[in-house]
Amino acid sequence: MRSFRWAIAILLALTASVTLVSSALAALPPGVPGTVTPQQRSAVIGRDKQVTVNVELPDSCAGTSVQLRLYQPPTDGSNALVPVTAPALAAVSISATASAGSFPVVVPLPAALAGDPVRVWPGVSGNCLAAPVYDSGAGIDLAKLDATENPGTTSTIVVYGPALKSTSPTNPDKTTLGDFTGSLTVMANGVACTTANVGKGATTDASGNVRIHLGTAGQPAQCSTAGAAVTFVRADGAMLYEKRTLLPGVTQQLQDLAPEAVPDGPGLTATTTAAPTTTAVAPAPPAPPNTGSEGPSATARSQGWLIVVGGLAILAAAVSGAAAVRRRQ
């Protein structure tokens, strides 16, 4: 009964997200061709000096001035990305003379980042464009090198608090995603490192995030091995779609708590997504009440059920859908 209820919730949320995308498109000026595509979907502040973004603009932009900057989801409920507000990232703004066709733009990264890891979307604006052209994918996850939190060969996964607290609007029990997930067992190269409670009674920081430390005393050697494939398993045994690469000394964020597969049910077909790293496929789990969006090591994907429930996820779907449609025009 519980999984059936959430299956219906996902279908209703998908309908709501389609409406949101349609309204977002209706508010956008028509005919904005172009693409903005990062060459990498993750970077580490304090280690990586830059990221490269491939830009493709219409011929009308040739020889004109355009500006590339980083964007974030808005906080006022609107359907458009806004320039980032974090001072270290707001300074990332590059003016250039556009050339027709495709060309790369090297985006410098700040040496340090206050606060936790963040997700940003590169975008290009200019007088030759009716509206800014955004990255239509998952954006760029910015992890951070933090020796204070991660001494020696330890590392940290920050499970995003707002995602854990989110609920499905169609769930009468108002069960949070954290309570539904219950716990997360973190695996490195298939070996269990630690299990963290993410539901009722979970230990959280001031922002409501759950911080999971890897490579600490008593954990297997794989949990501090650079480059190890990190996977996440829910309390019910379902493996999450989102993966990580173990980076000693680095704090990374985990937002997407969607499983690798959706169960069969009324109007639903079990679908296993293509995992970005080689892992065992988990049994089809109950559908979660809410999901987030992609992060480091996760490839872009089109399955709408992964990003349709929850305010941040619906916003990401609206932005991605709008950019994709504009790109095809």
C-alpha atoms as a PDB file:
ATOM      1  CA  MET A   1       0.000   0.000   0.000  1.00  0.00           C
ATOM      2  CA  ARG A   2       2.846   2.378   0.861  1.00  0.00           C
ATOM      3  CA  SER A   3       4.658   1.893  -2.443  1.00  0.00           C
ATOM      4  CA  PHE A   4       1.361   2.183  -4.354  1.00  0.00           C
ATOM      5  CA  ARG A   5       0.642   5.499  -2.597  1.00  0.00           C
ATOM      6  CA  TRP A   6       4.030   6.865  -3.592  1.00  0.00           C
ATOM      7  CA  ALA A   7       3.637   5.575  -7.158  1.00  0.00           C
ATOM      8  CA  ILE A   8       0.453   7.630  -7.458  1.00  0.00           C
ATOM      9  CA  ALA A   9       2.213  10.584  -5.825  1.00  0.00           C
ATOM     10  CA  ILE A  10       4.979  10.442  -8.414  1.00  0.00           C
ATOM     11  CA  LEU A  11       2.491  10.388 -11.284  1.00  0.00           C
ATOM     12  CA  LEU A  12       0.641  13.406  -9.866  1.00  0.00           C
ATOM     13  CA  ALA A  13       3.897  15.250  -9.259  1.00  0.00           C
ATOM     14  CA  LEU A  14       4.982  14.534 -12.831  1.00  0.00           C
ATOM     15  CA  THR A  15       1.775  16.164 -14.062  1.00  0.00           C
ATOM     16  CA  ALA A  16       2.462  19.168 -11.846  1.00  0.00           C
ATOM     17  CA  SER A  17       6.020  19.463 -13.146  1.00  0.00           C
ATOM     18  CA  VAL A  18       4.835  19.389 -16.771  1.00  0.00           C
ATOM     19  CA  THR A  19       2.512  22.283 -15.935  1.00  0.00           C
ATOM     20  CA  LEU A  20       5.401  24.166 -14.346  1.00  0.00           C
ATOM     21  CA  VAL A  21       7.614  23.606 -17.377  1.00  0.00           C
ATOM     22  CA  SER A  22       4.844  24.777 -19.706  1.00  0.00           C
ATOM     23  CA  SER A  23       4.312  27.958 -17.697  1.00  0.00           C
ATOM     24  CA  ALA A  24       8.058  28.598 -17.616  1.00  0.00           C
ATOM     25  CA  LEU A  25       8.287  28.231 -21.384  1.00  0.00           C
ATOM     26  CA  ALA A  26       5.326  30.529 -21.887  1.00  0.00           C
ATOM     27  CA  ALA A  27       7.158  33.277 -20.006  1.00  0.00           C
ATOM     28  CA  LEU A  28      10.339  32.961 -22.063  1.00  0.00           C
ATOM     29  CA  PRO A  29      11.038  34.930 -25.232  1.00  0.00           C
ATOM     30  CA  PRO A  30      10.820  32.616 -28.261  1.00  0.00           C
ATOM     31  CA  GLY A  31      13.687  31.673 -30.525  1.00  0.00           C
ATOM     32  CA  VAL A  32      16.776  31.491 -28.315  1.00  0.00           C
ATOM     33  CA  PRO A  33      19.067  28.947 -29.972  1.00  0.00           C
ATOM     34  CA  GLY A  34      22.366  27.947 -28.448  1.00  0.00           C
ATOM     35  CA  THR A  35      23.916  25.549 -26.004  1.00  0.00           C
ATOM     36  CA  VAL A  36      26.131  25.861 -22.935  1.00  0.00           C
ATOM     37  CA  THR A  37      27.735  22.557 -21.951  1.00  0.00           C
ATOM     38  CA  PRO A  38      30.385  22.029 -19.268  1.00  0.00           C
ATOM     39  CA  GLN A  39      33.147  19.611 -20.221  1.00  0.00           C
ATOM     40  CA  GLN A  40      32.923  18.219 -16.673  1.00  0.00           C
ATOM     41  CA  ARG A  41      30.059  17.930 -14.218  1.00  0.00           C
ATOM     42  CA  SER A  42      32.054  18.279 -11.026  1.00  0.00           C
ATOM     43  CA  ALA A  43      35.051  20.203  -9.712  1.00  0.00           C
ATOM     44  CA  VAL A  44      36.815  20.611  -6.378  1.00  0.00           C
ATOM     45  CA  ILE A  45      37.286  24.118  -5.034  1.00  0.00           C
ATOM     46  CA  GLY A  46      40.775  24.401  -3.581  1.00  0.00           C
ATOM     47  CA  ARG A  47      42.174  21.839  -6.013  1.00  0.00           C
ATOM     48  CA  ASP A  48      40.793  22.539  -9.484  1.00  0.00           C
ATOM     49  CA  LYS A  49      41.705  25.915 -10.912  1.00  0.00           C
ATOM     50  CA  GLN A  50      39.150  26.068 -13.713  1.00  0.00           C
ATOM     51  CA  VAL A  51      36.413  24.352 -15.681  1.00  0.00           C
ATOM     52  CA  THR A  52      35.870  24.575 -19.407  1.00  0.00           C
ATOM     53  CA  VAL A  53      32.450  25.267 -20.890  1.00  0.00           C
ATOM     54  CA  ASN A  54      31.593  24.664 -24.533  1.00  0.00           C
ATOM     55  CA  VAL A  55      29.359  27.409 -25.937  1.00  0.00           C
ATOM     56  CA  GLU A  56      27.406  27.364 -29.182  1.00  0.00           C
ATOM     57  CA  LEU A  57      25.655  30.586 -30.195  1.00  0.00           C
ATOM     58  CA  PRO A  58      23.736  31.677 -33.300  1.00  0.00           C
ATOM     59  CA  ASP A  59      25.442  33.550 -36.136  1.00  0.00           C
ATOM     60  CA  SER A  60      23.764  36.756 -34.966  1.00  0.00           C
ATOM     61  CA  CYS A  61      26.135  36.773 -31.972  1.00  0.00           C
ATOM     62  CA  ALA A  62      29.308  36.725 -34.064  1.00  0.00           C
ATOM     63  CA  GLY A  63      31.518  39.688 -33.151  1.00  0.00           C
ATOM     64  CA  THR A  64      29.254  40.862 -30.325  1.00  0.00           C
ATOM     65  CA  SER A  65      29.971  41.002 -26.603  1.00  0.00           C
ATOM     66  CA  VAL A  66      28.567  38.189 -24.480  1.00  0.00           C
ATOM     67  CA  GLN A  67      28.979  37.376 -20.814  1.00  0.00           C
ATOM     68  CA  LEU A  68      29.324  33.974 -19.164  1.00  0.00           C
ATOM     69  CA  ARG A  69      28.529  33.681 -15.480  1.00  0.00           C
ATOM     70  CA  LEU A  70      27.355  31.110 -12.969  1.00  0.00           C
ATOM     71  CA  TYR A  71      23.686  30.810 -11.998  1.00  0.00           C
ATOM     72  CA  GLN A  72      21.715  29.213  -9.181  1.00  0.00           C
ATOM     73  CA  PRO A  73      18.033  28.384  -8.547  1.00  0.00           C
ATOM     74  CA  PRO A  74      15.997  31.393  -7.365  1.00  0.00           C
ATOM     75  CA  THR A  75      14.650  31.718  -3.836  1.00  0.00           C
ATOM     76  CA  ASP A  76      11.554  33.753  -4.716  1.00  0.00           C
ATOM     77  CA  GLY A  77       9.555  30.988  -6.368  1.00  0.00           C
ATOM     78  CA  SER A  78      10.168  32.158  -9.948  1.00  0.00           C
ATOM     79  CA  ASN A  79      11.064  29.815 -12.815  1.00  0.00           C
ATOM     80  CA  ALA A  80      14.345  31.363 -13.947  1.00  0.00           C
ATOM     81  CA  LEU A  81      17.882  30.859 -12.763  1.00  0.00           C
ATOM     82  CA  VAL A  82      19.578  33.869 -11.174  1.00  0.00           C
ATOM     83  CA  PRO A  83      23.264  34.832 -10.877  1.00  0.00           C
ATOM     84  CA  VAL A  84      24.936  33.203  -7.896  1.00  0.00           C
ATOM     85  CA  THR A  85      25.075  35.222  -4.707  1.00  0.00           C
ATOM     86  CA  ALA A  86      28.055  33.570  -2.987  1.00  0.00           C
ATOM     87  CA  PRO A  87      30.776  36.267  -3.203  1.00  0.00           C
ATOM     88  CA  ALA A  88      33.518  33.865  -4.306  1.00  0.00           C
ATOM     89  CA  LEU A  89      31.359  32.578  -7.172  1.00  0.00           C
ATOM     90  CA  ALA A  90      29.644  35.850  -8.065  1.00  0.00           C
ATOM     91  CA  ALA A  91      33.077  37.120  -9.092  1.00  0.00           C
ATOM     92  CA  VAL A  92      33.152  34.496 -11.855  1.00  0.00           C
ATOM     93  CA  SER A  93      31.974  36.584 -14.793  1.00  0.00           C
ATOM     94  CA  ILE A  94      33.693  36.485 -18.171  1.00  0.00           C
ATOM     95  CA  SER A  95      33.105  38.956 -20.988  1.00  0.00           C
ATOM     96  CA  ALA A  96      34.164  37.857 -24.447  1.00  0.00           C
ATOM     97  CA  THR A  97      33.603  38.553 -28.108  1.00  0.00           C
ATOM     98  CA  ALA A  98      31.441  35.743 -29.414  1.00  0.00           C
ATOM     99  CA  SER A  99      32.309  33.823 -32.508  1.00  0.00           C
ATOM    100  CA  ALA A 100      29.821  31.963 -34.657  1.00  0.00           C
ATOM    101  CA  GLY A 101      29.552  28.247 -34.056  1.00  0.00           C
ATOM    102  CA  SER A 102      31.090  26.446 -31.098  1.00  0.00           C
ATOM    103  CA  PHE A 103      33.871  27.778 -28.922  1.00  0.00           C
ATOM    104  CA  PRO A 104      35.224  26.942 -25.444  1.00  0.00           C
ATOM    105  CA  VAL A 105      35.269  29.312 -22.482  1.00  0.00           C
ATOM    106  CA  VAL A 106      37.660  28.691 -19.596  1.00  0.00           C
ATOM    107  CA  VAL A 107      35.962  29.564 -16.318  1.00  0.00           C
ATOM    108  CA  PRO A 108      38.341  30.273 -13.404  1.00  0.00           C
ATOM    109  CA  LEU A 109      37.343  28.880 -10.026  1.00  0.00           C
ATOM    110  CA  PRO A 110      37.890  30.630  -6.690  1.00  0.00           C
ATOM    111  CA  ALA A 111      40.652  29.375  -4.422  1.00  0.00           C
ATOM    112  CA  ALA A 112      38.248  28.807  -1.528  1.00  0.00           C
ATOM    113  CA  LEU A 113      34.529  28.453  -0.887  1.00  0.00           C
ATOM    114  CA  ALA A 114      32.791  29.462   2.332  1.00  0.00           C
ATOM    115  CA  GLY A 115      30.114  27.062   3.463  1.00  0.00           C
ATOM    116  CA  ASP A 116      29.150  23.714   1.995  1.00  0.00           C
ATOM    117  CA  PRO A 117      29.517  22.428  -1.575  1.00  0.00           C
ATOM    118  CA  VAL A 118      27.076  23.916  -4.086  1.00  0.00           C
ATOM    119  CA  ARG A 119      25.596  23.249  -7.528  1.00  0.00           C
ATOM    120  CA  VAL A 120      25.739  25.940 -10.218  1.00  0.00           C
ATOM    121  CA  TRP A 121      24.726  26.317 -13.855  1.00  0.00           C
ATOM    122  CA  PRO A 122      26.875  28.247 -16.362  1.00  0.00           C
ATOM    123  CA  GLY A 123      24.946  30.575 -18.661  1.00  0.00           C
ATOM    124  CA  VAL A 124      25.626  33.102 -21.410  1.00  0.00           C
ATOM    125  CA  SER A 125      23.819  36.410 -21.876  1.00  0.00           C
ATOM    126  CA  GLY A 126      24.213  39.196 -24.417  1.00  0.00           C
ATOM    127  CA  ASN A 127      22.348  41.690 -26.592  1.00  0.00           C
ATOM    128  CA  CYS A 128      22.313  39.136 -29.411  1.00  0.00           C
ATOM    129  CA  LEU A 129      20.216  36.769 -27.291  1.00  0.00           C
ATOM    130  CA  ALA A 130      16.547  37.270 -26.435  1.00  0.00           C
ATOM    131  CA  ALA A 131      17.220  35.536 -23.101  1.00  0.00           C
ATOM    132  CA  PRO A 132      20.237  33.939 -21.409  1.00  0.00           C
ATOM    133  CA  VAL A 133      21.247  30.492 -22.641  1.00  0.00           C
ATOM    134  CA  TYR A 134      21.805  28.126 -19.713  1.00  0.00           C
ATOM    135  CA  ASP A 135      23.404  24.757 -19.308  1.00  0.00           C
ATOM    136  CA  SER A 136      20.466  22.411 -19.918  1.00  0.00           C
ATOM    137  CA  GLY A 137      22.012  19.537 -17.997  1.00  0.00           C
ATOM    138  CA  ALA A 138      22.573  18.864 -14.317  1.00  0.00           C
ATOM    139  CA  GLY A 139      24.859  21.819 -13.764  1.00  0.00           C
ATOM    140  CA  ILE A 140      28.276  21.636 -12.124  1.00  0.00           C
ATOM    141  CA  ASP A 141      28.706  20.302  -8.607  1.00  0.00           C
ATOM    142  CA  LEU A 142      31.400  22.190  -6.753  1.00  0.00           C
ATOM    143  CA  ALA A 143      32.929  20.084  -3.985  1.00  0.00           C
ATOM    144  CA  LYS A 144      35.557  21.608  -1.712  1.00  0.00           C
ATOM    145  CA  LEU A 145      38.963  20.655  -0.371  1.00  0.00           C
ATOM    146  CA  ASP A 146      38.658  20.934   3.408  1.00  0.00           C
ATOM    147  CA  ALA A 147      41.520  19.637   5.536  1.00  0.00           C
ATOM    148  CA  THR A 148      39.794  20.796   8.728  1.00  0.00           C
ATOM    149  CA  GLU A 149      36.765  18.545   8.234  1.00  0.00           C
ATOM    150  CA  ASN A 150      38.778  15.856   6.469  1.00  0.00           C
ATOM    151  CA  PRO A 151      42.150  15.287   8.152  1.00  0.00           C
ATOM    152  CA  GLY A 152      44.496  12.713   6.681  1.00  0.00           C
ATOM    153  CA  THR A 153      42.755  10.504   4.118  1.00  0.00           C
ATOM    154  CA  THR A 154      39.225  11.015   5.423  1.00  0.00           C
ATOM    155  CA  SER A 155      36.432  12.582   3.384  1.00  0.00           C
ATOM    156  CA  THR A 156      32.835  13.725   3.867  1.00  0.00           C
ATOM    157  CA  ILE A 157      29.516  13.261   2.098  1.00  0.00           C
ATOM    158  CA  VAL A 158      26.973  15.988   2.963  1.00  0.00           C
ATOM    159  CA  VAL A 159      23.416  14.708   2.488  1.00  0.00           C
ATOM    160  CA  TYR A 160      21.411  17.801   1.521  1.00  0.00           C
ATOM    161  CA  GLY A 161      19.087  18.843   4.360  1.00  0.00           C
ATOM    162  CA  PRO A 162      16.304  20.473   2.289  1.00  0.00           C
ATOM    163  CA  ALA A 163      15.954  17.245   0.293  1.00  0.00           C
ATOM    164  CA  LEU A 164      15.680  15.179   3.480  1.00  0.00           C
ATOM    165  CA  LYS A 165      12.956  17.481   4.847  1.00  0.00           C
ATOM    166  CA  SER A 166      10.909  17.609   1.653  1.00  0.00           C
ATOM    167  CA  THR A 167       7.550  15.855   1.351  1.00  0.00           C
ATOM    168  CA  SER A 168       5.275  14.928  -1.503  1.00  0.00           C
ATOM    169  CA  PRO A 169       2.214  17.227  -1.734  1.00  0.00           C
ATOM    170  CA  THR A 170       0.090  14.152  -2.476  1.00  0.00           C
ATOM    171  CA  ASN A 171       1.254  12.205   0.574  1.00  0.00           C
ATOM    172  CA  PRO A 172      -1.434  12.398   3.287  1.00  0.00           C
ATOM    173  CA  ASP A 173       1.008  11.143   5.929  1.00  0.00           C
ATOM    174  CA  LYS A 174       3.500  13.951   5.158  1.00  0.00           C
ATOM    175  CA  THR A 175       6.369  11.495   5.402  1.00  0.00           C
ATOM    176  CA  THR A 176       9.656  13.256   4.714  1.00  0.00           C
ATOM    177  CA  LEU A 177      12.140  11.889   2.221  1.00  0.00           C
ATOM    178  CA  GLY A 178      14.604  11.409   5.064  1.00  0.00           C
ATOM    179  CA  ASP A 179      12.129   9.280   7.031  1.00  0.00           C
ATOM    180  CA  PHE A 180      11.232   7.301   3.917  1.00  0.00           C
ATOM    181  CA  THR A 181      14.895   6.627   3.155  1.00  0.00           C
ATOM    182  CA  GLY A 182      15.605   5.722   6.773  1.00  0.00           C
ATOM    183  CA  SER A 183      19.343   5.305   6.519  1.00  0.00           C
ATOM    184  CA  LEU A 184      22.160   5.302   3.993  1.00  0.00           C
ATOM    185  CA  THR A 185      24.932   2.733   3.973  1.00  0.00           C
ATOM    186  CA  VAL A 186      27.938   4.121   2.141  1.00  0.00           C
ATOM    187  CA  MET A 187      29.970   1.602   0.132  1.00  0.00           C
ATOM    188  CA  ALA A 188      33.481   2.060  -1.296  1.00  0.00           C
ATOM    189  CA  ASN A 189      34.342  -0.395  -4.081  1.00  0.00           C
ATOM    190  CA  GLY A 190      31.492  -2.581  -2.820  1.00  0.00           C
ATOM    191  CA  VAL A 191      32.671  -2.641   0.818  1.00  0.00           C
ATOM    192  CA  ALA A 192      30.456  -1.114   3.515  1.00  0.00           C
ATOM    193  CA  CYS A 193      32.092   1.848   5.267  1.00  0.00           C
ATOM    194  CA  THR A 194      29.395   3.215   7.572  1.00  0.00           C
ATOM    195  CA  THR A 195      25.627   3.546   7.933  1.00  0.00           C
ATOM    196  CA  ALA A 196      24.079   6.916   8.740  1.00  0.00           C
ATOM    197  CA  ASN A 197      20.555   7.598   9.956  1.00  0.00           C
ATOM    198  CA  VAL A 198      18.876  10.205   7.722  1.00  0.00           C
ATOM    199  CA  GLY A 199      15.367   9.923   9.167  1.00  0.00           C
ATOM    200  CA  LYS A 200      13.839  10.625  12.577  1.00  0.00           C
ATOM    201  CA  GLY A 201      16.486  11.318  15.187  1.00  0.00           C
ATOM    202  CA  ALA A 202      19.260  11.789  12.626  1.00  0.00           C
ATOM    203  CA  THR A 203      22.286  13.823  13.669  1.00  0.00           C
ATOM    204  CA  THR A 204      22.293  16.975  11.567  1.00  0.00           C
ATOM    205  CA  ASP A 205      24.324  20.157  11.314  1.00  0.00           C
ATOM    206  CA  ALA A 206      22.933  23.692  11.699  1.00  0.00           C
ATOM    207  CA  SER A 207      21.559  23.581   8.131  1.00  0.00           C
ATOM    208  CA  GLY A 208      19.793  20.254   8.602  1.00  0.00           C
ATOM    209  CA  ASN A 209      22.378  18.328   6.560  1.00  0.00           C
ATOM    210  CA  VAL A 210      23.555  14.860   7.534  1.00  0.00           C
ATOM    211  CA  ARG A 211      27.340  14.642   7.339  1.00  0.00           C
ATOM    212  CA  ILE A 212      28.822  11.188   6.668  1.00  0.00           C
ATOM    213  CA  HIS A 213      32.541  10.762   7.288  1.00  0.00           C
ATOM    214  CA  LEU A 214      34.551   8.156   5.389  1.00  0.00           C
ATOM    215  CA  GLY A 215      38.017   6.770   6.117  1.00  0.00           C
ATOM    216  CA  THR A 216      37.770   7.205   9.868  1.00  0.00           C
ATOM    217  CA  ALA A 217      39.220   4.785  12.428  1.00  0.00           C
ATOM    218  CA  GLY A 218      37.746   1.295  12.198  1.00  0.00           C
ATOM    219  CA  GLN A 219      36.526   1.583   8.605  1.00  0.00           C
ATOM    220  CA  PRO A 220      37.959  -0.701   5.893  1.00  0.00           C
ATOM    221  CA  ALA A 221      40.916   0.506   3.823  1.00  0.00           C
ATOM    222  CA  GLN A 222      38.680   0.956   0.768  1.00  0.00           C
ATOM    223  CA  CYS A 223      36.923   3.808   2.572  1.00  0.00           C
ATOM    224  CA  SER A 224      40.029   5.977   2.327  1.00  0.00           C
ATOM    225  CA  THR A 225      41.245   4.799  -1.086  1.00  0.00           C
ATOM    226  CA  ALA A 226      41.419   7.613  -3.615  1.00  0.00           C
ATOM    227  CA  GLY A 227      39.325   6.875  -6.684  1.00  0.00           C
ATOM    228  CA  ALA A 228      37.160   4.210  -5.048  1.00  0.00           C
ATOM    229  CA  ALA A 229      33.623   3.990  -6.435  1.00  0.00           C
ATOM    230  CA  VAL A 230      31.209   5.254  -3.764  1.00  0.00           C
ATOM    231  CA  THR A 231      27.631   3.980  -3.784  1.00  0.00           C
ATOM    232  CA  PHE A 232      24.705   4.478  -1.410  1.00  0.00           C
ATOM    233  CA  VAL A 233      22.188   1.894  -0.191  1.00  0.00           C
ATOM    234  CA  ARG A 234      18.889   2.779   1.522  1.00  0.00           C
ATOM    235  CA  ALA A 235      17.491   1.015   4.593  1.00  0.00           C
ATOM    236  CA  ASP A 236      15.272  -1.131   2.357  1.00  0.00           C
ATOM    237  CA  GLY A 237      18.270  -2.343   0.322  1.00  0.00           C
ATOM    238  CA  ALA A 238      17.703  -0.116  -2.704  1.00  0.00           C
ATOM    239  CA  MET A 239      20.825   1.384  -4.232  1.00  0.00           C
ATOM    240  CA  LEU A 240      20.705   5.057  -5.177  1.00  0.00           C
ATOM    241  CA  TYR A 241      21.206   6.098  -8.771  1.00  0.00           C
ATOM    242  CA  GLU A 242      23.676   8.804  -7.808  1.00  0.00           C
ATOM    243  CA  LYS A 243      27.289   7.757  -7.303  1.00  0.00           C
ATOM    244  CA  ARG A 244      30.500   9.435  -6.175  1.00  0.00           C
ATOM    245  CA  THR A 245      34.232   8.966  -6.535  1.00  0.00           C
ATOM    246  CA  LEU A 246      36.086   8.852  -3.236  1.00  0.00           C
ATOM    247  CA  LEU A 247      38.275  11.940  -2.850  1.00  0.00           C
ATOM    248  CA  PRO A 248      40.342  12.028   0.366  1.00  0.00           C
ATOM    249  CA  GLY A 249      40.342  15.458   1.958  1.00  0.00           C
ATOM    250  CA  VAL A 250      37.256  16.565   0.022  1.00  0.00           C
ATOM    251  CA  THR A 251      33.677  17.344   1.109  1.00  0.00           C
ATOM    252  CA  GLN A 252      31.029  16.469  -1.486  1.00  0.00           C
ATOM    253  CA  GLN A 253      27.274  16.951  -1.554  1.00  0.00           C
ATOM    254  CA  LEU A 254      24.561  14.329  -2.148  1.00  0.00           C
ATOM    255  CA  GLN A 255      21.150  15.677  -3.209  1.00  0.00           C
ATOM    256  CA  ASP A 256      19.559  12.939  -5.287  1.00  0.00           C
ATOM    257  CA  LEU A 257      18.085  10.130  -3.189  1.00  0.00           C
ATOM    258  CA  ALA A 258      16.307   8.438  -6.098  1.00  0.00           C
ATOM    259  CA  PRO A 259      16.861   4.679  -6.468  1.00  0.00           C
ATOM    260  CA  GLU A 260      18.247   2.998  -9.562  1.00  0.00           C
ATOM    261  CA  ALA A 261      14.891   1.536 -10.543  1.00  0.00           C
ATOM    262  CA  VAL A 262      11.142   2.171 -10.306  1.00  0.00           C
ATOM    263  CA  PRO A 263       8.837  -0.761  -9.425  1.00  0.00           C
ATOM    264  CA  ASP A 264       6.029  -2.060 -11.572  1.00  0.00           C
ATOM    265  CA  GLY A 265       2.622  -0.726 -10.624  1.00  0.00           C
ATOM    266  CA  PRO A 266      -0.540   0.836 -12.037  1.00  0.00           C
ATOM    267  CA  GLY A 267       0.612   2.889 -15.012  1.00  0.00           C
ATOM    268  CA  LEU A 268       4.307   2.345 -14.195  1.00  0.00           C
ATOM    269  CA  THR A 269       6.948   0.148 -15.757  1.00  0.00           C
ATOM    270  CA  ALA A 270      10.128  -0.856 -13.972  1.00  0.00           C
ATOM    271  CA  THR A 271      13.023   0.965 -15.605  1.00  0.00           C
ATOM    272  CA  THR A 272      16.659   0.550 -14.685  1.00  0.00           C
ATOM    273  CA  THR A 273      18.731   3.590 -15.579  1.00  0.00           C
ATOM    274  CA  ALA A 274      22.220   3.423 -17.023  1.00  0.00           C
ATOM    275  CA  ALA A 275      24.535   3.771 -14.046  1.00  0.00           C
ATOM    276  CA  PRO A 276      27.480   6.144 -14.463  1.00  0.00           C
ATOM    277  CA  THR A 277      29.821   3.633 -12.821  1.00  0.00           C
ATOM    278  CA  THR A 278      29.906  -0.150 -12.856  1.00  0.00           C
ATOM    279  CA  THR A 279      27.860  -1.387  -9.912  1.00  0.00           C
ATOM    280  CA  ALA A 280      25.502  -4.212  -9.097  1.00  0.00           C
ATOM    281  CA  VAL A 281      21.900  -3.397  -9.991  1.00  0.00           C
ATOM    282  CA  ALA A 282      19.767  -3.335  -6.861  1.00  0.00           C
ATOM    283  CA  PRO A 283      16.305  -4.958  -6.684  1.00  0.00           C
ATOM    284  CA  ALA A 284      13.472  -2.667  -7.727  1.00  0.00           C
ATOM    285  CA  PRO A 285      12.639  -0.641  -4.565  1.00  0.00           C
ATOM    286  CA  PRO A 286       9.524   1.304  -3.575  1.00  0.00           C
ATOM    287  CA  ALA A 287       9.365   4.681  -5.279  1.00  0.00           C
ATOM    288  CA  PRO A 288      10.482   7.509  -2.968  1.00  0.00           C
ATOM    289  CA  PRO A 289       8.207  10.425  -2.046  1.00  0.00           C
ATOM    290  CA  ASN A 290      10.724  12.944  -3.293  1.00  0.00           C
ATOM    291  CA  THR A 291      13.960  13.217  -5.245  1.00  0.00           C
ATOM    292  CA  GLY A 292      16.641  15.744  -5.916  1.00  0.00           C
ATOM    293  CA  SER A 293      18.970  16.220  -8.828  1.00  0.00           C
ATOM    294  CA  GLU A 294      22.247  14.927 -10.055  1.00  0.00           C
ATOM    295  CA  GLY A 295      25.690  15.414  -8.621  1.00  0.00           C
ATOM    296  CA  PRO A 296      29.341  14.544  -9.224  1.00  0.00           C
ATOM    297  CA  SER A 297      29.889  11.413 -11.335  1.00  0.00           C
ATOM    298  CA  ALA A 298      26.217  11.344 -12.407  1.00  0.00           C
ATOM    299  CA  THR A 299      25.532  11.589 -16.122  1.00  0.00           C
ATOM    300  CA  ALA A 300      22.617  13.621 -17.496  1.00  0.00           C
ATOM    301  CA  ARG A 301      19.460  11.567 -17.889  1.00  0.00           C
ATOM    302  CA  SER A 302      15.971  12.102 -19.199  1.00  0.00           C
ATOM    303  CA  GLN A 303      13.885   9.997 -16.801  1.00  0.00           C
ATOM    304  CA  GLY A 304      11.466  12.595 -15.465  1.00  0.00           C
ATOM    305  CA  TRP A 305      10.524  10.604 -12.372  1.00  0.00           C
ATOM    306  CA  LEU A 306      13.993  11.195 -10.945  1.00  0.00           C
ATOM    307  CA  ILE A 307      13.528  14.966 -10.724  1.00  0.00           C
ATOM    308  CA  VAL A 308       9.820  15.749 -10.623  1.00  0.00           C
ATOM    309  CA  VAL A 309       9.000  15.702  -6.904  1.00  0.00           C
ATOM    310  CA  GLY A 310      10.053  18.518  -4.565  1.00  0.00           C
ATOM    311  CA  GLY A 311      10.504  22.232  -5.121  1.00  0.00           C
ATOM    312  CA  LEU A 312      14.185  22.204  -6.085  1.00  0.00           C
ATOM    313  CA  ALA A 313      13.763  19.180  -8.329  1.00  0.00           C
ATOM    314  CA  ILE A 314      10.761  20.628 -10.161  1.00  0.00           C
ATOM    315  CA  LEU A 315      12.621  23.887 -10.673  1.00  0.00           C
ATOM    316  CA  ALA A 316      15.592  22.037 -12.136  1.00  0.00           C
ATOM    317  CA  ALA A 317      13.262  20.173 -14.491  1.00  0.00           C
ATOM    318  CA  ALA A 318      11.635  23.441 -15.596  1.00  0.00           C
ATOM    319  CA  VAL A 319      14.963  25.106 -16.296  1.00  0.00           C
ATOM    320  CA  SER A 320      16.375  22.084 -18.106  1.00  0.00           C
ATOM    321  CA  GLY A 321      13.223  21.624 -20.168  1.00  0.00           C
ATOM    322  CA  ALA A 322      13.092  25.278 -21.140  1.00  0.00           C
ATOM    323  CA  ALA A 323      16.727  25.339 -22.220  1.00  0.00           C
ATOM    324  CA  ALA A 324      16.370  22.125 -24.198  1.00  0.00           C
ATOM    325  CA  VAL A 325      13.337  23.396 -26.104  1.00  0.00           C
ATOM    326  CA  ARG A 326      14.989  26.721 -26.823  1.00  0.00           C
ATOM    327  CA  ARG A 327      18.063  24.880 -28.092  1.00  0.00           C
ATOM    328  CA  ARG A 328      15.974  22.942 -30.603  1.00  0.00           C
ATOM    329  CA  GLN A 329      14.230  26.075 -31.936  1.00  0.00           C
END
